[in-house]
Protein backbone atom coordinates (compact mmCIF):
# COMPACT_ATOMS: atom_id res chain seq x y z
CA MET A 1 111.13 94.37 98.46
CA VAL A 2 110.13 93.99 102.10
CA ARG A 3 107.61 96.64 103.14
CA LEU A 4 108.19 98.14 106.56
CA ARG A 5 105.43 99.22 108.89
CA THR A 6 105.97 102.49 110.70
CA GLN A 7 104.28 104.34 113.52
CA LEU A 8 102.82 106.82 111.02
CA GLU A 9 100.61 104.17 109.40
CA GLU A 10 98.07 104.71 112.16
CA VAL A 11 97.60 108.32 110.97
CA PRO A 12 94.63 108.41 108.54
CA LEU A 13 95.31 109.47 104.97
CA GLY A 14 94.34 113.10 104.49
CA THR A 15 95.39 114.24 107.96
CA ASN A 16 96.80 117.76 108.01
CA ILE A 17 100.46 117.66 109.00
CA LEU A 18 99.83 120.33 111.67
CA ASN A 19 97.36 118.00 113.40
CA ILE A 20 99.77 115.09 113.77
CA GLU A 21 101.05 114.57 117.32
CA VAL A 22 104.54 113.15 117.57
CA PRO A 23 104.59 110.24 120.10
CA ALA A 24 106.29 111.13 123.36
CA GLN A 25 108.62 108.17 122.93
CA LEU A 26 110.21 109.80 119.87
CA GLN A 27 110.92 113.03 121.71
CA ASN A 28 112.99 111.49 124.50
CA LYS A 29 116.48 111.51 123.03
CA ILE A 30 119.05 109.14 124.52
CA MET A 31 122.52 110.54 125.11
CA THR A 32 125.40 108.06 124.96
CA GLY A 33 128.00 109.91 126.99
CA LEU A 34 130.49 109.55 124.12
CA THR A 35 130.84 113.13 122.89
CA TYR A 36 131.74 112.32 119.29
CA TRP A 37 128.74 109.97 118.94
CA ASP A 38 126.25 112.37 120.51
CA ASP A 39 127.51 115.28 118.42
CA SER A 40 127.51 113.26 115.22
CA LEU A 41 123.85 112.41 115.87
CA GLY A 42 122.95 116.08 116.05
CA GLY A 43 124.02 116.87 119.60
CA GLN A 44 121.23 115.08 121.46
CA GLY A 45 122.06 111.41 121.02
CA PHE A 46 119.82 108.66 119.65
CA THR A 47 116.17 109.02 118.75
CA PRO A 48 114.11 106.01 119.94
CA SER A 49 113.18 103.73 116.98
CA ALA A 50 116.23 104.78 114.95
CA VAL A 51 118.30 102.11 113.17
CA THR A 52 121.95 102.86 112.39
CA LEU A 53 124.13 101.06 109.86
CA PHE A 54 127.80 101.16 110.87
CA VAL A 55 130.27 100.13 108.18
CA GLY A 56 134.01 100.37 107.72
CA THR A 57 137.17 98.78 106.43
CA PRO A 58 138.63 95.70 108.15
CA GLY A 59 140.81 96.54 111.14
CA ALA A 60 139.40 100.03 111.61
CA GLY A 61 138.02 99.14 115.04
CA LYS A 62 134.27 98.83 114.50
CA THR A 63 133.80 96.17 117.17
CA THR A 64 135.94 98.10 119.65
CA MET A 65 133.92 101.27 119.09
CA MET A 66 130.63 99.40 119.50
CA LEU A 67 131.84 97.82 122.74
CA GLU A 68 132.69 101.28 124.06
CA LEU A 69 129.27 102.50 122.94
CA ALA A 70 127.53 99.57 124.66
CA ASN A 71 129.41 100.32 127.87
CA ALA A 72 128.58 104.05 127.69
CA LEU A 73 124.87 103.44 127.04
CA THR A 74 124.67 100.96 129.92
CA LYS A 75 126.33 103.50 132.18
CA ARG A 76 123.55 105.96 131.33
CA GLY A 77 120.82 103.48 132.25
CA ALA A 78 120.01 101.75 128.96
CA MET A 79 119.75 98.00 128.48
CA VAL A 80 122.12 96.89 125.73
CA LEU A 81 122.40 93.53 123.99
CA PHE A 82 125.66 93.15 122.09
CA ASN A 83 124.95 90.25 119.73
CA THR A 84 127.97 88.86 117.89
CA ALA A 85 128.71 85.98 115.59
CA GLU A 86 131.98 87.48 114.36
CA GLU A 87 133.88 86.56 117.52
CA SER A 88 133.46 84.14 120.38
CA LEU A 89 132.24 85.54 123.68
CA TYR A 90 135.64 84.68 125.14
CA GLN A 91 137.35 86.89 122.54
CA LEU A 92 134.81 89.60 123.26
CA LYS A 93 135.46 89.37 127.00
CA MET A 94 139.21 89.72 126.48
CA THR A 95 138.63 92.91 124.49
CA VAL A 96 136.30 94.21 127.21
CA ASP A 97 139.02 93.51 129.80
CA ARG A 98 141.66 95.25 127.69
CA LEU A 99 139.45 98.32 127.32
CA ARG A 100 138.63 98.19 131.05
CA LEU A 101 134.91 98.41 130.43
CA GLN A 102 133.05 97.99 133.71
CA LYS A 103 129.30 98.34 133.10
CA GLY A 104 128.42 94.76 132.17
CA PHE A 105 126.09 94.95 129.17
CA ILE A 106 124.40 91.78 127.89
CA ALA A 107 126.13 89.57 125.31
CA GLY A 108 124.64 87.08 122.85
CA GLN A 109 125.51 84.97 119.81
CA GLU A 110 122.18 84.44 118.01
CA THR A 111 122.22 84.41 114.19
CA ASP A 112 118.52 83.63 113.61
CA VAL A 113 116.77 87.01 113.43
CA PRO A 114 113.30 85.92 114.68
CA LYS A 115 114.91 84.21 117.69
CA LEU A 116 117.16 87.21 118.28
CA LEU A 117 114.22 89.62 118.37
CA GLU A 118 112.24 87.24 120.58
CA ASN A 119 115.14 87.25 123.04
CA CYS A 120 115.24 91.05 122.86
CA ASP A 121 111.56 91.19 123.80
CA LYS A 122 112.18 88.96 126.81
CA LEU A 123 114.97 91.27 127.97
CA ARG A 124 112.77 94.32 127.46
CA LEU A 125 109.98 92.73 129.46
CA ALA A 126 112.34 92.30 132.39
CA ALA A 127 113.19 96.03 132.38
CA PRO A 128 110.31 97.83 130.65
CA ASN A 129 111.35 101.33 131.73
CA LYS A 130 114.85 101.18 130.29
CA PRO A 131 115.76 102.32 126.77
CA PHE A 132 116.74 99.23 124.76
CA PHE A 133 119.63 98.98 122.29
CA LEU A 134 120.52 96.04 120.06
CA ILE A 135 124.05 96.06 118.63
CA VAL A 136 124.67 93.47 115.91
CA ASP A 137 128.14 92.31 114.84
CA SER A 138 127.59 91.81 112.00
CA LEU A 139 124.75 91.98 109.46
CA GLN A 140 126.45 89.41 107.23
CA THR A 141 126.21 86.74 109.95
CA LEU A 142 122.41 86.95 110.28
CA ASN A 143 119.76 84.69 108.77
CA ASP A 144 116.11 85.74 108.50
CA GLY A 145 115.06 82.08 108.17
CA LYS A 146 113.21 82.38 104.87
CA TYR A 147 115.14 79.43 103.41
CA GLY A 148 115.81 77.56 106.63
CA GLU A 149 119.52 77.40 107.35
CA ASN A 150 120.37 78.56 103.84
CA THR A 151 120.97 82.17 102.81
CA ASN A 152 121.13 84.09 99.55
CA SER A 153 122.12 87.52 98.26
CA LYS A 154 118.99 89.13 99.78
CA THR A 155 119.34 87.67 103.27
CA ALA A 156 121.09 90.73 104.68
CA GLU A 157 118.39 93.01 103.25
CA ARG A 158 115.57 90.91 104.70
CA SER A 159 117.33 90.63 108.07
CA LEU A 160 117.83 94.37 108.29
CA ALA A 161 114.20 94.94 107.31
CA MET A 162 113.02 92.73 110.19
CA ILE A 163 115.21 94.56 112.69
CA THR A 164 114.07 97.94 111.37
CA GLU A 165 110.39 97.02 111.58
CA TRP A 166 110.86 95.75 115.14
CA CYS A 167 112.56 98.99 116.20
CA LYS A 168 109.79 101.13 114.69
CA GLN A 169 107.10 99.11 116.42
CA ASN A 170 108.76 99.17 119.83
CA TYR A 171 110.68 102.48 119.94
CA THR A 172 113.90 100.57 120.38
CA ASN A 173 117.28 101.25 118.76
CA ALA A 174 119.61 99.07 116.73
CA ILE A 175 123.16 99.65 115.54
CA VAL A 176 124.10 97.09 112.90
CA ILE A 177 127.70 96.59 111.81
CA GLY A 178 128.18 95.93 108.11
CA GLN A 179 131.40 94.33 106.91
CA VAL A 180 133.10 95.63 103.77
CA THR A 181 136.04 94.57 101.66
CA LYS A 182 139.47 96.22 101.81
CA GLY A 183 138.31 98.27 98.84
CA GLY A 184 135.43 99.61 100.91
CA GLN A 185 132.68 97.76 99.08
CA MET A 186 129.70 96.03 100.69
CA ALA A 187 127.13 94.00 98.78
CA GLY A 188 123.82 95.84 98.53
CA ALA A 189 125.22 98.90 100.29
CA ASN A 190 122.95 101.41 98.53
CA VAL A 191 119.77 99.45 99.26
CA LEU A 192 120.75 98.96 102.89
CA LYS A 193 121.61 102.64 103.30
CA HIS A 194 118.11 103.64 102.20
CA MET A 195 116.53 101.26 104.72
CA VAL A 196 118.09 102.79 107.83
CA ASP A 197 117.81 106.12 109.62
CA ALA A 198 121.53 106.77 109.95
CA MET A 199 124.74 105.49 108.42
CA PHE A 200 128.23 105.89 109.84
CA THR A 201 131.55 104.84 108.33
CA LEU A 202 134.84 104.11 110.07
CA ASP A 203 138.05 104.09 108.04
CA ILE A 204 141.81 104.41 108.52
CA GLU A 205 143.62 107.53 107.30
CA LYS A 206 146.40 106.45 104.93
CA LYS A 207 147.28 109.67 103.07
CA GLU A 208 147.17 112.79 105.25
CA GLN A 209 150.49 112.87 107.12
CA ASP A 210 149.17 114.79 110.15
CA PHE A 211 146.47 112.17 110.76
CA LEU A 212 148.22 109.09 109.40
CA GLY A 213 146.84 105.98 111.09
CA CYS A 214 143.96 107.85 112.72
CA ARG A 215 140.45 106.45 112.44
CA ILE A 216 137.98 108.57 110.49
CA LEU A 217 134.40 108.43 111.76
CA GLN A 218 131.94 110.03 109.35
CA THR A 219 128.18 110.61 109.43
CA GLU A 220 126.97 109.86 105.91
CA LYS A 221 123.26 109.92 106.68
CA ASN A 222 121.12 110.98 109.63
CA ARG A 223 117.35 111.42 109.39
CA PHE A 224 117.13 112.78 112.93
CA GLY A 225 120.00 115.25 112.81
CA GLY A 226 122.76 116.70 110.70
CA ALA A 227 125.15 114.69 108.55
CA GLY A 228 128.58 115.55 107.22
CA HIS A 229 130.36 115.28 110.57
CA ILE A 230 133.92 113.90 110.35
CA TYR A 231 135.95 112.90 113.41
CA PHE A 232 139.62 111.95 113.54
CA LEU A 233 140.26 109.51 116.38
CA THR A 234 143.26 107.66 117.72
CA LEU A 235 142.83 103.99 118.60
CA ARG A 236 145.07 102.81 121.39
CA GLU A 237 144.98 99.86 123.77
CA ASN A 238 142.49 101.63 126.02
CA GLY A 239 140.16 102.68 123.20
CA PHE A 240 139.32 105.73 121.10
CA GLN A 241 140.30 109.33 121.73
CA GLU A 242 139.16 112.29 119.62
CA VAL A 243 141.92 114.25 117.87
CA SER A 244 140.06 116.62 115.57
CA ARG A 245 136.68 117.18 113.92
CA VAL A 246 135.26 118.72 110.76
CA THR A 247 131.67 119.62 109.94
CA ILE A 248 130.70 119.91 106.28
CA GLY A 249 127.65 121.99 105.38
């Protein structure tokens, strides 16, 4: 298993917990401007260095939601790289036009993780005072390069580990889309869930008549805030709108 370095490794073994000073970078939460995302993260938005795994059934609207998130974060002053290998940039642009997103976040199509993170560092260097977000669509398209152009069953795990380590070292954020089957299964889902700070799912309601066809956004894990939040959203041509919410626990 890939071992991740964290900021806490610089704290000597034996240090009293009361004497540990939390880095200022971790205390500056980043609000998105999308109410259901900020609330689902505990009410204060993203914690710098946090990595979020975002999974859901095909057709639920994961890419659309991430495009709206990228636009909202850019509007609030963050630098966002939306990196996709699921769709062409022309397809992505047509979706952006349909949603009428106006903030102009950065787009990329890199599948090699070391090159992707190198490009992220170049972007960060150009705007060092801006919070940085990497959105990946999707994890299954990435290659960590261990076997050259070839991949295996552990490639997604290694790729996510590299992204997670980079975020912890640089106080940056990543939201990584994970593709699942129509039955809701994703290879290595349990291992991947333990590697990240937060995990969200997006599904389509098919049983409850009052919410039939609505998208269900659920917080399954959140190390920096509460979990158990469930949001019912409509998905129309102009994007997502909240219909109802439930908090468990």
